[in-house]
């Protein structure tokens, strides 16, 4: 357990930050799941709309440090390519 006041404060900050990051990660996963479900159902219009909503959410998570920038870009790129192939 933390003993010094600064360590106690750091522990409190970590708890708050973990809660925020968990919520962000969950939100991103929800958006990703919506895109995946639309792709699986073969609904090109819904998939495009879901991707348009998911992309800023994924990039925001990368900006906030929840995901690495390259990971976020890779996810968006792969989803976009799958949505494109769905409508073709």
PDB file of N, CA and C in Angstrom:
ATOM      1  N   UNK A   1       0.843  -1.189   0.000  1.00  0.00           N
ATOM      2  CA  UNK A   1       0.000   0.000   0.000  1.00  0.00           C
ATOM      3  C   UNK A   1       0.885   1.249   0.000  1.00  0.00           C
ATOM      4  N   UNK A   2       0.394   2.313  -0.625  1.00  0.00           N
ATOM      5  CA  UNK A   2       1.157   3.558  -0.711  1.00  0.00           C
ATOM      6  C   UNK A   2       1.247   4.226   0.657  1.00  0.00           C
ATOM      7  N   UNK A   3       2.405   4.789   0.955  1.00  0.00           N
ATOM      8  CA  UNK A   3       2.614   5.429   2.252  1.00  0.00           C
ATOM      9  C   UNK A   3       2.677   6.946   2.165  1.00  0.00           C
ATOM     10  N   UNK A   4       3.405   7.470   1.197  1.00  0.00           N
ATOM     11  CA  UNK A   4       3.572   8.920   1.103  1.00  0.00           C
ATOM     12  C   UNK A   4       2.329   9.550   0.481  1.00  0.00           C
ATOM     13  N   UNK A   5       2.092  10.818   0.808  1.00  0.00           N
ATOM     14  CA  UNK A   5       0.918  11.498   0.227  1.00  0.00           C
ATOM     15  C   UNK A   5       0.927  11.498  -1.307  1.00  0.00           C
ATOM     16  N   UNK A   6       2.103  11.685  -1.899  1.00  0.00           N
ATOM     17  CA  UNK A   6       2.165  11.719  -3.367  1.00  0.00           C
ATOM     18  C   UNK A   6       1.848  10.349  -3.959  1.00  0.00           C
ATOM     19  N   UNK A   7       2.276   9.281  -3.291  1.00  0.00           N
ATOM     20  CA  UNK A   7       1.983   7.933  -3.775  1.00  0.00           C
ATOM     21  C   UNK A   7       0.496   7.620  -3.626  1.00  0.00           C
ATOM     22  N   UNK A   8      -0.100   8.129  -2.541  1.00  0.00           N
ATOM     23  CA  UNK A   8      -1.544   7.921  -2.341  1.00  0.00           C
ATOM     24  C   UNK A   8      -2.334   8.636  -3.432  1.00  0.00           C
ATOM     25  N   UNK A   9      -1.908   9.853  -3.753  1.00  0.00           N
ATOM     26  CA  UNK A   9      -2.581  10.610  -4.806  1.00  0.00           C
ATOM     27  C   UNK A   9      -2.405   9.904  -6.157  1.00  0.00           C
ATOM     28  N   UNK A  10      -1.201   9.406  -6.411  1.00  0.00           N
ATOM     29  CA  UNK A  10      -0.942   8.694  -7.668  1.00  0.00           C
ATOM     30  C   UNK A  10      -1.840   7.467  -7.776  1.00  0.00           C
ATOM     31  N   UNK A  11      -2.038   6.766  -6.665  1.00  0.00           N
ATOM     32  CA  UNK A  11      -2.908   5.581  -6.672  1.00  0.00           C
ATOM     33  C   UNK A  11      -4.348   5.971  -6.992  1.00  0.00           C
ATOM     34  N   UNK A  12      -4.799   7.100  -6.434  1.00  0.00           N
ATOM     35  CA  UNK A  12      -6.168   7.572  -6.727  1.00  0.00           C
ATOM     36  C   UNK A  12      -6.297   7.927  -8.207  1.00  0.00           C
ATOM     37  N   UNK A  13      -5.288   8.588  -8.756  1.00  0.00           N
ATOM     38  CA  UNK A  13      -5.309   8.978 -10.164  1.00  0.00           C
ATOM     39  C   UNK A  13      -5.350   7.753 -11.070  1.00  0.00           C
ATOM     40  N   UNK A  14      -4.581   6.730 -10.694  1.00  0.00           N
ATOM     41  CA  UNK A  14      -4.536   5.510 -11.498  1.00  0.00           C
ATOM     42  C   UNK A  14      -5.908   4.845 -11.543  1.00  0.00           C
ATOM     43  N   UNK A  15      -6.597   4.824 -10.405  1.00  0.00           N
ATOM     44  CA  UNK A  15      -7.935   4.214 -10.350  1.00  0.00           C
ATOM     45  C   UNK A  15      -8.889   4.949 -11.278  1.00  0.00           C
ATOM     46  N   UNK A  16      -8.866   6.291 -11.219  1.00  0.00           N
ATOM     47  CA  UNK A  16      -9.753   7.089 -12.083  1.00  0.00           C
ATOM     48  C   UNK A  16      -9.416   6.880 -13.554  1.00  0.00           C
ATOM     49  N   UNK A  17      -8.127   6.924 -13.875  1.00  0.00           N
ATOM     50  CA  UNK A  17      -7.690   6.795 -15.262  1.00  0.00           C
ATOM     51  C   UNK A  17      -8.044   5.420 -15.818  1.00  0.00           C
ATOM     52  N   UNK A  18      -7.894   4.374 -14.981  1.00  0.00           N
ATOM     53  CA  UNK A  18      -8.228   3.015 -15.407  1.00  0.00           C
ATOM     54  C   UNK A  18      -9.710   2.917 -15.741  1.00  0.00           C
ATOM     55  N   UNK A  19     -10.547   3.551 -14.921  1.00  0.00           N
ATOM     56  CA  UNK A  19     -11.988   3.522 -15.176  1.00  0.00           C
ATOM     57  C   UNK A  19     -12.320   4.204 -16.506  1.00  0.00           C
ATOM     58  N   UNK A  20     -11.690   5.334 -16.760  1.00  0.00           N
ATOM     59  CA  UNK A  20     -11.932   6.072 -18.007  1.00  0.00           C
ATOM     60  C   UNK A  20     -11.474   5.247 -19.208  1.00  0.00           C
ATOM     61  N   UNK A  21     -10.272   4.665 -19.098  1.00  0.00           N
ATOM     62  CA  UNK A  21      -9.735   3.878 -20.210  1.00  0.00           C
ATOM     63  C   UNK A  21     -10.572   2.635 -20.474  1.00  0.00           C
ATOM     64  N   UNK A  22     -11.080   2.006 -19.413  1.00  0.00           N
ATOM     65  CA  UNK A  22     -11.931   0.823 -19.573  1.00  0.00           C
ATOM     66  C   UNK A  22     -13.209   1.199 -20.310  1.00  0.00           C
ATOM     67  N   UNK A  23     -13.793   2.329 -19.934  1.00  0.00           N
ATOM     68  CA  UNK A  23     -15.016   2.793 -20.597  1.00  0.00           C
ATOM     69  C   UNK A  23     -14.745   3.089 -22.073  1.00  0.00           C
ATOM     70  N   UNK A  24     -13.613   3.732 -22.346  1.00  0.00           N
ATOM     71  CA  UNK A  24     -13.273   4.054 -23.743  1.00  0.00           C
ATOM     72  C   UNK A  24     -13.069   2.794 -24.558  1.00  0.00           C
ATOM     73  N   UNK A  25     -12.345   1.826 -23.987  1.00  0.00           N
ATOM     74  CA  UNK A  25     -12.066   0.580 -24.701  1.00  0.00           C
ATOM     75  C   UNK A  25     -13.373  -0.155 -24.998  1.00  0.00           C
ATOM     76  N   UNK A  26     -14.276  -0.155 -24.026  1.00  0.00           N
ATOM     77  CA  UNK A  26     -15.567  -0.813 -24.195  1.00  0.00           C
ATOM     78  C   UNK A  26     -16.375  -0.134 -25.299  1.00  0.00           C
ATOM     79  N   UNK A  27     -16.339   1.198 -25.311  1.00  0.00           N
ATOM     80  CA  UNK A  27     -17.065   1.968 -26.324  1.00  0.00           C
ATOM     81  C   UNK A  27     -16.542   1.649 -27.725  1.00  0.00           C
ATOM     82  N   UNK A  28     -15.225   1.569 -27.861  1.00  0.00           N
ATOM     83  CA  UNK A  28     -14.614   1.243 -29.156  1.00  0.00           C
ATOM     84  C   UNK A  28     -15.051  -0.153 -29.593  1.00  0.00           C
ATOM     85  N   UNK A  29     -15.009  -1.103 -28.674  1.00  0.00           N
ATOM     86  CA  UNK A  29     -15.396  -2.473 -29.007  1.00  0.00           C
ATOM     87  C   UNK A  29     -16.857  -2.548 -29.456  1.00  0.00           C
ATOM     88  N   UNK A  30     -17.718  -1.738 -28.839  1.00  0.00           N
ATOM     89  CA  UNK A  30     -19.126  -1.713 -29.234  1.00  0.00           C
ATOM     90  C   UNK A  30     -19.261  -1.236 -30.676  1.00  0.00           C
ATOM     91  N   UNK A  31     -18.556  -0.156 -31.006  1.00  0.00           N
ATOM     92  CA  UNK A  31     -18.604   0.366 -32.374  1.00  0.00           C
ATOM     93  C   UNK A  31     -18.054  -0.654 -33.368  1.00  0.00           C
ATOM     94  N   UNK A  32     -16.965  -1.319 -32.997  1.00  0.00           N
ATOM     95  CA  UNK A  32     -16.387  -2.344 -33.870  1.00  0.00           C
ATOM     96  C   UNK A  32     -17.369  -3.490 -34.081  1.00  0.00           C
ATOM     97  N   UNK A  33     -18.050  -3.892 -33.003  1.00  0.00           N
ATOM     98  CA  UNK A  33     -19.000  -4.997 -33.104  1.00  0.00           C
ATOM     99  C   UNK A  33     -20.148  -4.646 -34.061  1.00  0.00           C
ATOM    100  N   UNK A  34     -20.608  -3.395 -34.022  1.00  0.00           N
ATOM    101  CA  UNK A  34     -21.691  -2.984 -34.919  1.00  0.00           C
ATOM    102  C   UNK A  34     -21.269  -3.097 -36.380  1.00  0.00           C
ATOM    103  N   UNK A  35     -20.030  -2.715 -36.670  1.00  0.00           N
ATOM    104  CA  UNK A  35     -19.522  -2.832 -38.047  1.00  0.00           C
ATOM    105  C   UNK A  35     -19.428  -4.310 -38.438  1.00  0.00           C
ATOM    106  N   UNK A  36     -18.864  -5.115 -37.543  1.00  0.00           N
ATOM    107  CA  UNK A  36     -18.707  -6.553 -37.808  1.00  0.00           C
ATOM    108  C   UNK A  36     -20.058  -7.223 -38.072  1.00  0.00           C
ATOM    109  N   UNK A  37     -21.062  -6.880 -37.276  1.00  0.00           N
ATOM    110  CA  UNK A  37     -22.390  -7.478 -37.439  1.00  0.00           C
ATOM    111  C   UNK A  37     -23.007  -7.091 -38.773  1.00  0.00           C
ATOM    112  N   UNK A  38     -22.829  -5.825 -39.166  1.00  0.00           N
ATOM    113  CA  UNK A  38     -23.370  -5.373 -40.449  1.00  0.00           C
ATOM    114  C   UNK A  38     -22.670  -6.082 -41.606  1.00  0.00           C
ATOM    115  N   UNK A  39     -21.360  -6.284 -41.482  1.00  0.00           N
ATOM    116  CA  UNK A  39     -20.608  -6.988 -42.531  1.00  0.00           C
ATOM    117  C   UNK A  39     -21.069  -8.443 -42.606  1.00  0.00           C
ATOM    118  N   UNK A  40     -21.223  -9.077 -41.444  1.00  0.00           N
ATOM    119  CA  UNK A  40     -21.644 -10.483 -41.399  1.00  0.00           C
ATOM    120  C   UNK A  40     -23.039 -10.659 -41.989  1.00  0.00           C
ATOM    121  N   UNK A  41     -23.896  -9.660 -41.787  1.00  0.00           N
ATOM    122  CA  UNK A  41     -25.262  -9.731 -42.306  1.00  0.00           C
ATOM    123  C   UNK A  41     -25.318  -9.377 -43.798  1.00  0.00           C
ATOM    124  N   UNK A  42     -24.214  -8.847 -44.316  1.00  0.00           N
ATOM    125  CA  UNK A  42     -24.173  -8.498 -45.729  1.00  0.00           C
ATOM    126  C   UNK A  42     -24.892  -7.210 -46.065  1.00  0.00           C
ATOM    127  N   UNK A  43     -25.066  -6.348 -45.077  1.00  0.00           N
ATOM    128  CA  UNK A  43     -25.770  -5.076 -45.281  1.00  0.00           C
ATOM    129  C   UNK A  43     -24.745  -3.971 -45.534  1.00  0.00           C
ATOM    130  N   UNK A  44     -24.529  -3.662 -46.803  1.00  0.00           N
ATOM    131  CA  UNK A  44     -23.481  -2.720 -47.191  1.00  0.00           C
ATOM    132  C   UNK A  44     -23.752  -1.315 -46.658  1.00  0.00           C
ATOM    133  N   UNK A  45     -24.999  -0.857 -46.755  1.00  0.00           N
ATOM    134  CA  UNK A  45     -25.324   0.505 -46.306  1.00  0.00           C
ATOM    135  C   UNK A  45     -25.132   0.644 -44.800  1.00  0.00           C
ATOM    136  N   UNK A  46     -25.625  -0.345 -44.052  1.00  0.00           N
ATOM    137  CA  UNK A  46     -25.469  -0.305 -42.589  1.00  0.00           C
ATOM    138  C   UNK A  46     -23.996  -0.382 -42.207  1.00  0.00           C
ATOM    139  N   UNK A  47     -23.240  -1.195 -42.927  1.00  0.00           N
ATOM    140  CA  UNK A  47     -21.815  -1.347 -42.636  1.00  0.00           C
ATOM    141  C   UNK A  47     -21.078  -0.038 -42.884  1.00  0.00           C
ATOM    142  N   UNK A  48     -21.428   0.640 -43.978  1.00  0.00           N
ATOM    143  CA  UNK A  48     -20.800   1.933 -44.278  1.00  0.00           C
ATOM    144  C   UNK A  48     -21.119   2.962 -43.192  1.00  0.00           C
ATOM    145  N   UNK A  49     -22.378   2.999 -42.767  1.00  0.00           N
ATOM    146  CA  UNK A  49     -22.789   3.949 -41.721  1.00  0.00           C
ATOM    147  C   UNK A  49     -22.100   3.619 -40.396  1.00  0.00           C
ATOM    148  N   UNK A  50     -22.015   2.332 -40.071  1.00  0.00           N
ATOM    149  CA  UNK A  50     -21.369   1.917 -38.823  1.00  0.00           C
ATOM    150  C   UNK A  50     -19.885   2.250 -38.850  1.00  0.00           C
ATOM    151  N   UNK A  51     -19.250   2.068 -40.011  1.00  0.00           N
ATOM    152  CA  UNK A  51     -17.830   2.386 -40.136  1.00  0.00           C
ATOM    153  C   UNK A  51     -17.604   3.890 -39.992  1.00  0.00           C
ATOM    154  N   UNK A  52     -18.491   4.682 -40.571  1.00  0.00           N
ATOM    155  CA  UNK A  52     -18.370   6.138 -40.468  1.00  0.00           C
ATOM    156  C   UNK A  52     -18.484   6.589 -39.014  1.00  0.00           C
ATOM    157  N   UNK A  53     -19.280   5.875 -38.222  1.00  0.00           N
ATOM    158  CA  UNK A  53     -19.409   6.204 -36.795  1.00  0.00           C
ATOM    159  C   UNK A  53     -18.239   5.653 -35.996  1.00  0.00           C
ATOM    160  N   UNK A  54     -17.710   4.504 -36.405  1.00  0.00           N
ATOM    161  CA  UNK A  54     -16.654   3.840 -35.634  1.00  0.00           C
ATOM    162  C   UNK A  54     -15.284   4.486 -35.834  1.00  0.00           C
ATOM    163  N   UNK A  55     -15.018   4.975 -37.036  1.00  0.00           N
ATOM    164  CA  UNK A  55     -13.678   5.493 -37.335  1.00  0.00           C
ATOM    165  C   UNK A  55     -13.253   6.618 -36.389  1.00  0.00           C
ATOM    166  N   UNK A  56     -14.077   7.666 -36.189  1.00  0.00           N
ATOM    167  CA  UNK A  56     -13.626   8.724 -35.271  1.00  0.00           C
ATOM    168  C   UNK A  56     -13.474   8.220 -33.839  1.00  0.00           C
ATOM    169  N   UNK A  57     -14.292   7.265 -33.458  1.00  0.00           N
ATOM    170  CA  UNK A  57     -14.212   6.712 -32.102  1.00  0.00           C
ATOM    171  C   UNK A  57     -12.888   5.961 -31.910  1.00  0.00           C
ATOM    172  N   UNK A  58     -12.497   5.194 -32.918  1.00  0.00           N
ATOM    173  CA  UNK A  58     -11.241   4.440 -32.853  1.00  0.00           C
ATOM    174  C   UNK A  58     -10.056   5.406 -32.819  1.00  0.00           C
ATOM    175  N   UNK A  59     -10.077   6.403 -33.670  1.00  0.00           N
ATOM    176  CA  UNK A  59      -8.968   7.354 -33.719  1.00  0.00           C
ATOM    177  C   UNK A  59      -8.893   8.195 -32.443  1.00  0.00           C
ATOM    178  N   UNK A  60     -10.038   8.485 -31.855  1.00  0.00           N
ATOM    179  CA  UNK A  60     -10.046   9.226 -30.586  1.00  0.00           C
ATOM    180  C   UNK A  60      -9.406   8.383 -29.482  1.00  0.00           C
ATOM    181  N   UNK A  61      -9.702   7.087 -29.497  1.00  0.00           N
ATOM    182  CA  UNK A  61      -9.090   6.185 -28.513  1.00  0.00           C
ATOM    183  C   UNK A  61      -7.581   6.162 -28.691  1.00  0.00           C
ATOM    184  N   UNK A  62      -7.112   6.212 -29.936  1.00  0.00           N
ATOM    185  CA  UNK A  62      -5.674   6.232 -30.197  1.00  0.00           C
ATOM    186  C   UNK A  62      -5.067   7.537 -29.692  1.00  0.00           C
ATOM    187  N   UNK A  63      -5.781   8.623 -29.911  1.00  0.00           N
ATOM    188  CA  UNK A  63      -5.292   9.928 -29.484  1.00  0.00           C
ATOM    189  C   UNK A  63      -5.189  10.000 -27.958  1.00  0.00           C
ATOM    190  N   UNK A  64      -6.114   9.339 -27.275  1.00  0.00           N
ATOM    191  CA  UNK A  64      -6.129   9.354 -25.809  1.00  0.00           C
ATOM    192  C   UNK A  64      -5.203   8.311 -25.203  1.00  0.00           C
ATOM    193  N   UNK A  65      -4.593   7.477 -26.043  1.00  0.00           N
ATOM    194  CA  UNK A  65      -3.631   6.513 -25.542  1.00  0.00           C
ATOM    195  C   UNK A  65      -4.211   5.160 -25.176  1.00  0.00           C
ATOM    196  N   UNK A  66      -5.477   4.921 -25.500  1.00  0.00           N
ATOM    197  CA  UNK A  66      -6.089   3.628 -25.211  1.00  0.00           C
ATOM    198  C   UNK A  66      -5.601   2.586 -26.217  1.00  0.00           C
ATOM    199  N   UNK A  67      -5.482   3.008 -27.474  1.00  0.00           N
ATOM    200  CA  UNK A  67      -4.930   2.160 -28.537  1.00  0.00           C
ATOM    201  C   UNK A  67      -3.682   2.845 -29.092  1.00  0.00           C
ATOM    202  N   UNK A  68      -2.780   2.048 -29.638  1.00  0.00           N
ATOM    203  CA  UNK A  68      -1.635   2.625 -30.338  1.00  0.00           C
ATOM    204  C   UNK A  68      -2.126   3.188 -31.663  1.00  0.00           C
ATOM    205  N   UNK A  69      -1.475   4.249 -32.128  1.00  0.00           N
ATOM    206  CA  UNK A  69      -1.893   4.919 -33.365  1.00  0.00           C
ATOM    207  C   UNK A  69      -1.910   3.962 -34.549  1.00  0.00           C
ATOM    208  N   UNK A  70      -0.873   3.131 -34.670  1.00  0.00           N
ATOM    209  CA  UNK A  70      -0.802   2.198 -35.800  1.00  0.00           C
ATOM    210  C   UNK A  70      -1.873   1.119 -35.697  1.00  0.00           C
ATOM    211  N   UNK A  71      -2.166   0.685 -34.484  1.00  0.00           N
ATOM    212  CA  UNK A  71      -3.216  -0.317 -34.283  1.00  0.00           C
ATOM    213  C   UNK A  71      -4.557   0.240 -34.742  1.00  0.00           C
ATOM    214  N   UNK A  72      -4.842   1.473 -34.352  1.00  0.00           N
ATOM    215  CA  UNK A  72      -6.100   2.109 -34.733  1.00  0.00           C
ATOM    216  C   UNK A  72      -6.189   2.248 -36.251  1.00  0.00           C
ATOM    217  N   UNK A  73      -5.112   2.700 -36.871  1.00  0.00           N
ATOM    218  CA  UNK A  73      -5.096   2.873 -38.328  1.00  0.00           C
ATOM    219  C   UNK A  73      -5.284   1.531 -39.027  1.00  0.00           C
ATOM    220  N   UNK A  74      -4.643   0.494 -38.506  1.00  0.00           N
ATOM    221  CA  UNK A  74      -4.758  -0.834 -39.100  1.00  0.00           C
ATOM    222  C   UNK A  74      -6.198  -1.333 -39.008  1.00  0.00           C
ATOM    223  N   UNK A  75      -6.832  -1.154 -37.850  1.00  0.00           N
ATOM    224  CA  UNK A  75      -8.218  -1.605 -37.677  1.00  0.00           C
ATOM    225  C   UNK A  75      -9.154  -0.889 -38.646  1.00  0.00           C
ATOM    226  N   UNK A  76      -9.003   0.435 -38.747  1.00  0.00           N
ATOM    227  CA  UNK A  76      -9.854   1.219 -39.642  1.00  0.00           C
ATOM    228  C   UNK A  76      -9.632   0.786 -41.085  1.00  0.00           C
ATOM    229  N   UNK A  77      -8.374   0.608 -41.464  1.00  0.00           N
ATOM    230  CA  UNK A  77      -8.037   0.225 -42.828  1.00  0.00           C
ATOM    231  C   UNK A  77      -8.647  -1.127 -43.191  1.00  0.00           C
ATOM    232  N   UNK A  78      -8.493  -2.104 -42.304  1.00  0.00           N
ATOM    233  CA  UNK A  78      -9.010  -3.443 -42.589  1.00  0.00           C
ATOM    234  C   UNK A  78     -10.533  -3.463 -42.640  1.00  0.00           C
ATOM    235  N   UNK A  79     -11.169  -2.704 -41.739  1.00  0.00           N
ATOM    236  CA  UNK A  79     -12.630  -2.635 -41.767  1.00  0.00           C
ATOM    237  C   UNK A  79     -13.108  -1.966 -43.054  1.00  0.00           C
ATOM    238  N   UNK A  80     -12.446  -0.871 -43.432  1.00  0.00           N
ATOM    239  CA  UNK A  80     -12.841  -0.142 -44.645  1.00  0.00           C
ATOM    240  C   UNK A  80     -12.710  -1.038 -45.869  1.00  0.00           C
ATOM    241  N   UNK A  81     -11.641  -1.823 -45.912  1.00  0.00           N
ATOM    242  CA  UNK A  81     -11.446  -2.711 -47.051  1.00  0.00           C
ATOM    243  C   UNK A  81     -12.527  -3.785 -47.097  1.00  0.00           C
ATOM    244  N   UNK A  82     -12.920  -4.310 -45.925  1.00  0.00           N
ATOM    245  CA  UNK A  82     -13.985  -5.321 -45.888  1.00  0.00           C
ATOM    246  C   UNK A  82     -15.340  -4.732 -46.284  1.00  0.00           C
ATOM    247  N   UNK A  83     -15.593  -3.482 -45.862  1.00  0.00           N
ATOM    248  CA  UNK A  83     -16.860  -2.825 -46.241  1.00  0.00           C
ATOM    249  C   UNK A  83     -16.869  -2.561 -47.737  1.00  0.00           C
ATOM    250  N   UNK A  84     -15.723  -2.139 -48.292  1.00  0.00           N
ATOM    251  CA  UNK A  84     -15.632  -1.891 -49.739  1.00  0.00           C
ATOM    252  C   UNK A  84     -15.895  -3.172 -50.519  1.00  0.00           C
ATOM    253  N   UNK A  85     -15.314  -4.279 -50.083  1.00  0.00           N
ATOM    254  CA  UNK A  85     -15.493  -5.540 -50.816  1.00  0.00           C
ATOM    255  C   UNK A  85     -16.925  -6.030 -50.703  1.00  0.00           C
ATOM    256  N   UNK A  86     -17.603  -5.641 -49.622  1.00  0.00           N
ATOM    257  CA  UNK A  86     -18.999  -6.044 -49.418  1.00  0.00           C
ATOM    258  C   UNK A  86     -19.907  -5.375 -50.450  1.00  0.00           C
ATOM    259  N   UNK A  87     -19.634  -4.096 -50.739  1.00  0.00           N
ATOM    260  CA  UNK A  87     -20.509  -3.367 -51.663  1.00  0.00           C
ATOM    261  C   UNK A  87     -20.134  -3.641 -53.122  1.00  0.00           C
ATOM    262  N   UNK A  88     -18.976  -4.223 -53.363  1.00  0.00           N
ATOM    263  CA  UNK A  88     -18.544  -4.479 -54.744  1.00  0.00           C
ATOM    264  C   UNK A  88     -19.244  -5.707 -55.327  1.00  0.00           C
TER     265      UNK A  88
END
